[in-house]
Amino acid sequence: MEARIIQLETLAALQDQTLANLSQELFRQQREIDQLRRSIQLLEQRLAEQKAPDATDPNERPPHW
């Protein structure tokens, strides 16, 4: 009976460690997701700025023509 209790305590300790490891990994992944979202948002802003229409007419000839 005592061996069985020791085995159960060992399994519980291993599960606690596994849960702690999973929690740390989940936290790391969430930080990475947040950083990637910020990067995407910045890239979208830059792309929108580049696509912003200029005040010049696109069909207008450059002054050197």
PDB file of N, CA and C in Angstrom:
ATOM      1  N   MET A   1       0.822  -1.196   0.000  1.00  0.00           N
ATOM      2  CA  MET A   1       0.000   0.000   0.000  1.00  0.00           C
ATOM      3  C   MET A   1       0.869   1.263   0.000  1.00  0.00           C
ATOM      4  N   GLU A   2       1.952   1.257   0.756  1.00  0.00           N
ATOM      5  CA  GLU A   2       2.816   2.423   0.831  1.00  0.00           C
ATOM      6  C   GLU A   2       3.501   2.703  -0.506  1.00  0.00           C
ATOM      7  N   ALA A   3       3.879   1.646  -1.201  1.00  0.00           N
ATOM      8  CA  ALA A   3       4.508   1.812  -2.517  1.00  0.00           C
ATOM      9  C   ALA A   3       3.542   2.473  -3.484  1.00  0.00           C
ATOM     10  N   ARG A   4       2.294   2.119  -3.381  1.00  0.00           N
ATOM     11  CA  ARG A   4       1.274   2.711  -4.261  1.00  0.00           C
ATOM     12  C   ARG A   4       1.100   4.202  -3.953  1.00  0.00           C
ATOM     13  N   ILE A   5       1.138   4.571  -2.689  1.00  0.00           N
ATOM     14  CA  ILE A   5       1.022   5.986  -2.311  1.00  0.00           C
ATOM     15  C   ILE A   5       2.232   6.759  -2.830  1.00  0.00           C
ATOM     16  N   ILE A   6       3.413   6.182  -2.707  1.00  0.00           N
ATOM     17  CA  ILE A   6       4.622   6.830  -3.222  1.00  0.00           C
ATOM     18  C   ILE A   6       4.525   7.001  -4.733  1.00  0.00           C
ATOM     19  N   GLN A   7       4.018   5.983  -5.415  1.00  0.00           N
ATOM     20  CA  GLN A   7       3.865   6.067  -6.868  1.00  0.00           C
ATOM     21  C   GLN A   7       2.881   7.185  -7.236  1.00  0.00           C
ATOM     22  N   LEU A   8       1.773   7.282  -6.515  1.00  0.00           N
ATOM     23  CA  LEU A   8       0.789   8.331  -6.788  1.00  0.00           C
ATOM     24  C   LEU A   8       1.364   9.725  -6.502  1.00  0.00           C
ATOM     25  N   GLU A   9       2.132   9.854  -5.442  1.00  0.00           N
ATOM     26  CA  GLU A   9       2.764  11.132  -5.134  1.00  0.00           C
ATOM     27  C   GLU A   9       3.775  11.518  -6.210  1.00  0.00           C
ATOM     28  N   THR A  10       4.496  10.523  -6.702  1.00  0.00           N
ATOM     29  CA  THR A  10       5.461  10.778  -7.778  1.00  0.00           C
ATOM     30  C   THR A  10       4.747  11.237  -9.040  1.00  0.00           C
ATOM     31  N   LEU A  11       3.668  10.553  -9.383  1.00  0.00           N
ATOM     32  CA  LEU A  11       2.888  10.953 -10.567  1.00  0.00           C
ATOM     33  C   LEU A  11       2.324  12.370 -10.403  1.00  0.00           C
ATOM     34  N   ALA A  12       1.851  12.683  -9.211  1.00  0.00           N
ATOM     35  CA  ALA A  12       1.309  14.026  -8.959  1.00  0.00           C
ATOM     36  C   ALA A  12       2.406  15.078  -9.119  1.00  0.00           C
ATOM     37  N   ALA A  13       3.598  14.785  -8.620  1.00  0.00           N
ATOM     38  CA  ALA A  13       4.710  15.733  -8.745  1.00  0.00           C
ATOM     39  C   ALA A  13       5.097  15.921 -10.212  1.00  0.00           C
ATOM     40  N   LEU A  14       5.116  14.835 -10.962  1.00  0.00           N
ATOM     41  CA  LEU A  14       5.438  14.932 -12.389  1.00  0.00           C
ATOM     42  C   LEU A  14       4.383  15.736 -13.139  1.00  0.00           C
ATOM     43  N   GLN A  15       3.127  15.529 -12.772  1.00  0.00           N
ATOM     44  CA  GLN A  15       2.058  16.295 -13.415  1.00  0.00           C
ATOM     45  C   GLN A  15       2.164  17.779 -13.069  1.00  0.00           C
ATOM     46  N   ASP A  16       2.515  18.085 -11.837  1.00  0.00           N
ATOM     47  CA  ASP A  16       2.708  19.488 -11.445  1.00  0.00           C
ATOM     48  C   ASP A  16       3.817  20.127 -12.281  1.00  0.00           C
ATOM     49  N   GLN A  17       4.906  19.392 -12.461  1.00  0.00           N
ATOM     50  CA  GLN A  17       6.021  19.917 -13.255  1.00  0.00           C
ATOM     51  C   GLN A  17       5.610  20.093 -14.711  1.00  0.00           C
ATOM     52  N   THR A  18       4.869  19.128 -15.242  1.00  0.00           N
ATOM     53  CA  THR A  18       4.397  19.219 -16.623  1.00  0.00           C
ATOM     54  C   THR A  18       3.478  20.426 -16.802  1.00  0.00           C
ATOM     55  N   LEU A  19       2.585  20.634 -15.850  1.00  0.00           N
ATOM     56  CA  LEU A  19       1.685  21.792 -15.921  1.00  0.00           C
ATOM     57  C   LEU A  19       2.460  23.106 -15.847  1.00  0.00           C
ATOM     58  N   ALA A  20       3.464  23.151 -15.003  1.00  0.00           N
ATOM     59  CA  ALA A  20       4.281  24.359 -14.901  1.00  0.00           C
ATOM     60  C   ALA A  20       5.015  24.622 -16.214  1.00  0.00           C
ATOM     61  N   ASN A  21       5.555  23.568 -16.825  1.00  0.00           N
ATOM     62  CA  ASN A  21       6.250  23.716 -18.111  1.00  0.00           C
ATOM     63  C   ASN A  21       5.297  24.182 -19.200  1.00  0.00           C
ATOM     64  N   LEU A  22       4.106  23.600 -19.228  1.00  0.00           N
ATOM     65  CA  LEU A  22       3.117  24.009 -20.232  1.00  0.00           C
ATOM     66  C   LEU A  22       2.677  25.454 -20.026  1.00  0.00           C
ATOM     67  N   SER A  23       2.531  25.847 -18.786  1.00  0.00           N
ATOM     68  CA  SER A  23       2.152  27.226 -18.483  1.00  0.00           C
ATOM     69  C   SER A  23       3.225  28.207 -18.956  1.00  0.00           C
ATOM     70  N   GLN A  24       4.481  27.882 -18.702  1.00  0.00           N
ATOM     71  CA  GLN A  24       5.576  28.743 -19.155  1.00  0.00           C
ATOM     72  C   GLN A  24       5.610  28.831 -20.679  1.00  0.00           C
ATOM     73  N   GLU A  25       5.411  27.714 -21.340  1.00  0.00           N
ATOM     74  CA  GLU A  25       5.437  27.705 -22.804  1.00  0.00           C
ATOM     75  C   GLU A  25       4.268  28.501 -23.370  1.00  0.00           C
ATOM     76  N   LEU A  26       3.106  28.356 -22.762  1.00  0.00           N
ATOM     77  CA  LEU A  26       1.934  29.111 -23.197  1.00  0.00           C
ATOM     78  C   LEU A  26       2.168  30.611 -23.040  1.00  0.00           C
ATOM     79  N   PHE A  27       2.770  31.007 -21.929  1.00  0.00           N
ATOM     80  CA  PHE A  27       3.089  32.413 -21.695  1.00  0.00           C
ATOM     81  C   PHE A  27       4.065  32.919 -22.751  1.00  0.00           C
ATOM     82  N   ARG A  28       5.107  32.134 -23.055  1.00  0.00           N
ATOM     83  CA  ARG A  28       6.101  32.521 -24.065  1.00  0.00           C
ATOM     84  C   ARG A  28       5.441  32.662 -25.433  1.00  0.00           C
ATOM     85  N   GLN A  29       4.581  31.722 -25.779  1.00  0.00           N
ATOM     86  CA  GLN A  29       3.912  31.778 -27.072  1.00  0.00           C
ATOM     87  C   GLN A  29       2.978  32.979 -27.165  1.00  0.00           C
ATOM     88  N   GLN A  30       2.286  33.299 -26.082  1.00  0.00           N
ATOM     89  CA  GLN A  30       1.390  34.449 -26.098  1.00  0.00           C
ATOM     90  C   GLN A  30       2.168  35.746 -26.291  1.00  0.00           C
ATOM     91  N   ARG A  31       3.336  35.860 -25.640  1.00  0.00           N
ATOM     92  CA  ARG A  31       4.189  37.044 -25.850  1.00  0.00           C
ATOM     93  C   ARG A  31       4.614  37.132 -27.303  1.00  0.00           C
ATOM     94  N   GLU A  32       4.996  36.002 -27.885  1.00  0.00           N
ATOM     95  CA  GLU A  32       5.428  35.996 -29.279  1.00  0.00           C
ATOM     96  C   GLU A  32       4.272  36.376 -30.202  1.00  0.00           C
ATOM     97  N   ILE A  33       3.087  35.880 -29.932  1.00  0.00           N
ATOM     98  CA  ILE A  33       1.913  36.236 -30.732  1.00  0.00           C
ATOM     99  C   ILE A  33       1.646  37.730 -30.645  1.00  0.00           C
ATOM    100  N   ASP A  34       1.747  38.281 -29.442  1.00  0.00           N
ATOM    101  CA  ASP A  34       1.527  39.724 -29.269  1.00  0.00           C
ATOM    102  C   ASP A  34       2.555  40.536 -30.059  1.00  0.00           C
ATOM    103  N   GLN A  35       3.816  40.102 -30.030  1.00  0.00           N
ATOM    104  CA  GLN A  35       4.863  40.796 -30.788  1.00  0.00           C
ATOM    105  C   GLN A  35       4.597  40.695 -32.292  1.00  0.00           C
ATOM    106  N   LEU A  36       4.181  39.533 -32.738  1.00  0.00           N
ATOM    107  CA  LEU A  36       3.888  39.370 -34.164  1.00  0.00           C
ATOM    108  C   LEU A  36       2.701  40.213 -34.594  1.00  0.00           C
ATOM    109  N   ARG A  37       1.699  40.309 -33.737  1.00  0.00           N
ATOM    110  CA  ARG A  37       0.540  41.161 -34.057  1.00  0.00           C
ATOM    111  C   ARG A  37       0.966  42.626 -34.188  1.00  0.00           C
ATOM    112  N   ARG A  38       1.837  43.071 -33.272  1.00  0.00           N
ATOM    113  CA  ARG A  38       2.324  44.454 -33.360  1.00  0.00           C
ATOM    114  C   ARG A  38       3.118  44.663 -34.649  1.00  0.00           C
ATOM    115  N   SER A  39       3.925  43.690 -35.015  1.00  0.00           N
ATOM    116  CA  SER A  39       4.709  43.798 -36.251  1.00  0.00           C
ATOM    117  C   SER A  39       3.799  43.858 -37.468  1.00  0.00           C
ATOM    118  N   ILE A  40       2.787  43.029 -37.484  1.00  0.00           N
ATOM    119  CA  ILE A  40       1.841  43.033 -38.605  1.00  0.00           C
ATOM    120  C   ILE A  40       1.118  44.369 -38.676  1.00  0.00           C
ATOM    121  N   GLN A  41       0.712  44.882 -37.526  1.00  0.00           N
ATOM    122  CA  GLN A  41       0.020  46.165 -37.500  1.00  0.00           C
ATOM    123  C   GLN A  41       0.918  47.276 -38.046  1.00  0.00           C
ATOM    124  N   LEU A  42       2.182  47.268 -37.655  1.00  0.00           N
ATOM    125  CA  LEU A  42       3.128  48.268 -38.148  1.00  0.00           C
ATOM    126  C   LEU A  42       3.317  48.135 -39.657  1.00  0.00           C
ATOM    127  N   LEU A  43       3.452  46.907 -40.129  1.00  0.00           N
ATOM    128  CA  LEU A  43       3.607  46.690 -41.570  1.00  0.00           C
ATOM    129  C   LEU A  43       2.365  47.129 -42.338  1.00  0.00           C
ATOM    130  N   GLU A  44       1.191  46.873 -41.776  1.00  0.00           N
ATOM    131  CA  GLU A  44      -0.042  47.320 -42.431  1.00  0.00           C
ATOM    132  C   GLU A  44      -0.099  48.839 -42.510  1.00  0.00           C
ATOM    133  N   GLN A  45       0.347  49.508 -41.451  1.00  0.00           N
ATOM    134  CA  GLN A  45       0.367  50.975 -41.463  1.00  0.00           C
ATOM    135  C   GLN A  45       1.328  51.490 -42.524  1.00  0.00           C
ATOM    136  N   ARG A  46       2.514  50.886 -42.593  1.00  0.00           N
ATOM    137  CA  ARG A  46       3.485  51.312 -43.597  1.00  0.00           C
ATOM    138  C   ARG A  46       2.956  51.079 -45.005  1.00  0.00           C
ATOM    139  N   LEU A  47       2.310  49.954 -45.210  1.00  0.00           N
ATOM    140  CA  LEU A  47       1.760  49.656 -46.529  1.00  0.00           C
ATOM    141  C   LEU A  47       0.662  50.648 -46.889  1.00  0.00           C
ATOM    142  N   ALA A  48      -0.179  50.977 -45.921  1.00  0.00           N
ATOM    143  CA  ALA A  48      -1.246  51.948 -46.168  1.00  0.00           C
ATOM    144  C   ALA A  48      -0.668  53.318 -46.505  1.00  0.00           C
ATOM    145  N   GLU A  49       0.432  53.694 -45.841  1.00  0.00           N
ATOM    146  CA  GLU A  49       1.070  54.976 -46.141  1.00  0.00           C
ATOM    147  C   GLU A  49       1.642  54.987 -47.547  1.00  0.00           C
ATOM    148  N   GLN A  50       2.182  53.868 -47.989  1.00  0.00           N
ATOM    149  CA  GLN A  50       2.749  53.794 -49.330  1.00  0.00           C
ATOM    150  C   GLN A  50       1.659  53.810 -50.392  1.00  0.00           C
ATOM    151  N   LYS A  51       0.510  53.263 -50.058  1.00  0.00           N
ATOM    152  CA  LYS A  51      -0.587  53.221 -51.024  1.00  0.00           C
ATOM    153  C   LYS A  51      -1.429  54.490 -51.007  1.00  0.00           C
ATOM    154  N   ALA A  52      -1.152  55.381 -50.055  1.00  0.00           N
ATOM    155  CA  ALA A  52      -1.926  56.611 -49.955  1.00  0.00           C
ATOM    156  C   ALA A  52      -1.797  57.395 -51.256  1.00  0.00           C
ATOM    157  N   PRO A  53      -2.914  57.855 -51.776  1.00  0.00           N
ATOM    158  CA  PRO A  53      -2.858  58.597 -53.041  1.00  0.00           C
ATOM    159  C   PRO A  53      -2.111  59.915 -52.894  1.00  0.00           C
ATOM    160  N   ASP A  54      -1.270  60.192 -53.865  1.00  0.00           N
ATOM    161  CA  ASP A  54      -0.551  61.460 -53.886  1.00  0.00           C
ATOM    162  C   ASP A  54      -1.467  62.556 -54.414  1.00  0.00           C
ATOM    163  N   ALA A  55      -1.038  63.764 -54.216  1.00  0.00           N
ATOM    164  CA  ALA A  55      -1.801  64.904 -54.718  1.00  0.00           C
ATOM    165  C   ALA A  55      -1.627  65.047 -56.227  1.00  0.00           C
ATOM    166  N   THR A  56      -0.638  64.367 -56.820  1.00  0.00           N
ATOM    167  CA  THR A  56      -0.401  64.476 -58.258  1.00  0.00           C
ATOM    168  C   THR A  56      -1.269  63.490 -59.011  1.00  0.00           C
ATOM    169  N   ASP A  57      -1.540  63.854 -60.244  1.00  0.00           N
ATOM    170  CA  ASP A  57      -2.315  62.996 -61.131  1.00  0.00           C
ATOM    171  C   ASP A  57      -1.405  61.892 -61.661  1.00  0.00           C
ATOM    172  N   PRO A  58      -1.784  60.607 -61.554  1.00  0.00           N
ATOM    173  CA  PRO A  58      -0.914  59.531 -62.025  1.00  0.00           C
ATOM    174  C   PRO A  58      -0.708  59.545 -63.544  1.00  0.00           C
ATOM    175  N   ASN A  59      -1.608  60.187 -64.270  1.00  0.00           N
ATOM    176  CA  ASN A  59      -1.469  60.262 -65.725  1.00  0.00           C
ATOM    177  C   ASN A  59      -0.681  61.487 -66.183  1.00  0.00           C
ATOM    178  N   GLU A  60      -0.358  62.338 -65.248  1.00  0.00           N
ATOM    179  CA  GLU A  60       0.385  63.555 -65.590  1.00  0.00           C
ATOM    180  C   GLU A  60       1.825  63.205 -65.919  1.00  0.00           C
ATOM    181  N   ARG A  61       2.350  63.819 -66.985  1.00  0.00           N
ATOM    182  CA  ARG A  61       3.732  63.576 -67.393  1.00  0.00           C
ATOM    183  C   ARG A  61       4.697  64.250 -66.437  1.00  0.00           C
ATOM    184  N   PRO A  62       5.795  63.608 -66.147  1.00  0.00           N
ATOM    185  CA  PRO A  62       6.804  64.247 -65.286  1.00  0.00           C
ATOM    186  C   PRO A  62       7.320  65.529 -65.938  1.00  0.00           C
ATOM    187  N   PRO A  63       7.842  66.446 -65.176  1.00  0.00           N
ATOM    188  CA  PRO A  63       8.266  67.735 -65.715  1.00  0.00           C
ATOM    189  C   PRO A  63       9.394  67.616 -66.739  1.00  0.00           C
ATOM    190  N   HIS A  64      10.169  66.567 -66.746  1.00  0.00           N
ATOM    191  CA  HIS A  64      11.268  66.471 -67.699  1.00  0.00           C
ATOM    192  C   HIS A  64      10.814  66.010 -69.070  1.00  0.00           C
ATOM    193  N   TRP A  65       9.558  65.737 -69.295  1.00  0.00           N
ATOM    194  CA  TRP A  65       9.067  65.288 -70.614  1.00  0.00           C
ATOM    195  C   TRP A  65       8.842  66.452 -71.499  1.00  0.00           C
TER     196      TRP A  65
END
